């Protein structure tokens, strides 16, 4: 249903994800240079949504994948993911 709308939506998502990747690809450890912040788990949500809609996040967004892995490694994030039965990696 509404194939043109679906194509435009998919294109927009890919463009915005590519923009996020370009920001994260400058070598920073966290989304906001200087340290972990609320932005990192927020980006993890969008990372997961990319996986859910079928984007190859590992291959196409390596800097974002590194950020997601670092975020998932945090004990508090692991606790929440376990409680919500969410598997990201």
Protein backbone atom coordinates (compact mmCIF):
# COMPACT_ATOMS: atom_id res chain seq x y z
CA UNK A 1 0.00 0.00 0.00
CA UNK A 2 1.35 3.46 -0.94
CA UNK A 3 4.57 2.25 -2.59
CA UNK A 4 5.82 5.77 -3.41
CA UNK A 5 5.46 6.79 0.23
CA UNK A 6 7.28 3.67 1.39
CA UNK A 7 10.15 4.30 -1.06
CA UNK A 8 10.45 7.93 0.05
CA UNK A 9 10.40 6.89 3.71
CA UNK A 10 13.12 4.29 3.14
CA UNK A 11 15.24 6.84 1.28
CA UNK A 12 14.82 9.41 4.05
CA UNK A 13 15.77 6.92 6.76
CA UNK A 14 18.90 5.88 4.88
CA UNK A 15 19.90 9.53 4.32
CA UNK A 16 19.45 10.43 7.98
CA UNK A 17 21.26 7.30 9.17
CA UNK A 18 24.11 8.15 6.81
CA UNK A 19 24.22 11.65 8.30
CA UNK A 20 24.41 10.23 11.85
CA UNK A 21 27.20 7.89 10.72
CA UNK A 22 29.12 10.83 9.24
CA UNK A 23 29.01 12.65 12.57
CA UNK A 24 30.11 9.61 14.56
CA UNK A 25 32.89 8.68 12.11
CA UNK A 26 35.25 11.42 13.31
CA UNK A 27 36.84 9.11 15.87
CA UNK A 28 34.84 10.13 18.91
CA UNK A 29 34.08 7.57 21.61
CA UNK A 30 30.58 8.84 22.41
CA UNK A 31 27.93 10.82 20.54
CA UNK A 32 28.75 13.99 22.45
CA UNK A 33 32.52 14.47 22.52
CA UNK A 34 33.73 14.39 26.06
CA UNK A 35 31.75 11.54 27.46
CA UNK A 36 28.76 9.29 27.70
CA UNK A 37 25.41 11.10 27.76
CA UNK A 38 21.71 10.50 27.30
CA UNK A 39 22.28 10.79 23.54
CA UNK A 40 24.13 7.45 23.42
CA UNK A 41 21.26 5.20 24.56
CA UNK A 42 18.88 7.33 22.49
CA UNK A 43 20.98 6.54 19.41
CA UNK A 44 20.94 2.88 20.46
CA UNK A 45 17.15 2.91 20.04
CA UNK A 46 17.47 4.19 16.49
CA UNK A 47 20.27 1.70 15.82
CA UNK A 48 17.94 -1.12 16.86
CA UNK A 49 15.15 0.26 14.69
CA UNK A 50 17.56 0.17 11.75
CA UNK A 51 18.16 -3.52 12.45
CA UNK A 52 14.41 -4.15 12.72
CA UNK A 53 13.68 -2.58 9.33
CA UNK A 54 16.41 -4.64 7.71
CA UNK A 55 19.34 -2.25 7.39
CA UNK A 56 22.74 -3.90 7.61
CA UNK A 57 23.91 -1.68 10.44
CA UNK A 58 27.26 -3.46 10.89
CA UNK A 59 28.28 -3.10 7.26
CA UNK A 60 26.83 0.30 6.45
CA UNK A 61 27.32 2.17 9.71
CA UNK A 62 30.57 1.00 11.35
CA UNK A 63 31.10 4.05 13.59
CA UNK A 64 27.51 3.84 14.81
CA UNK A 65 27.97 0.11 15.39
CA UNK A 66 31.03 0.84 17.55
CA UNK A 67 29.03 3.37 19.55
CA UNK A 68 26.15 0.90 19.93
CA UNK A 69 28.53 -1.82 21.13
CA UNK A 70 30.11 0.53 23.67
CA UNK A 71 26.67 1.57 24.90
CA UNK A 72 25.48 -2.04 25.19
CA UNK A 73 28.62 -2.87 27.19
CA UNK A 74 27.52 -0.56 30.01
CA UNK A 75 26.06 -2.52 32.95
CA UNK A 76 22.96 -0.34 33.29
CA UNK A 77 22.17 -0.75 29.60
CA UNK A 78 22.68 -4.51 29.86
CA UNK A 79 20.22 -4.59 32.75
CA UNK A 80 17.54 -2.71 30.83
CA UNK A 81 18.00 -4.78 27.68
CA UNK A 82 17.73 -8.00 29.72
CA UNK A 83 14.61 -6.81 31.52
CA UNK A 84 12.98 -5.85 28.21
CA UNK A 85 14.21 -9.00 26.40
CA UNK A 86 15.93 -6.93 23.72
CA UNK A 87 18.84 -8.46 21.84
CA UNK A 88 20.96 -6.09 19.79
CA UNK A 89 24.17 -8.08 19.30
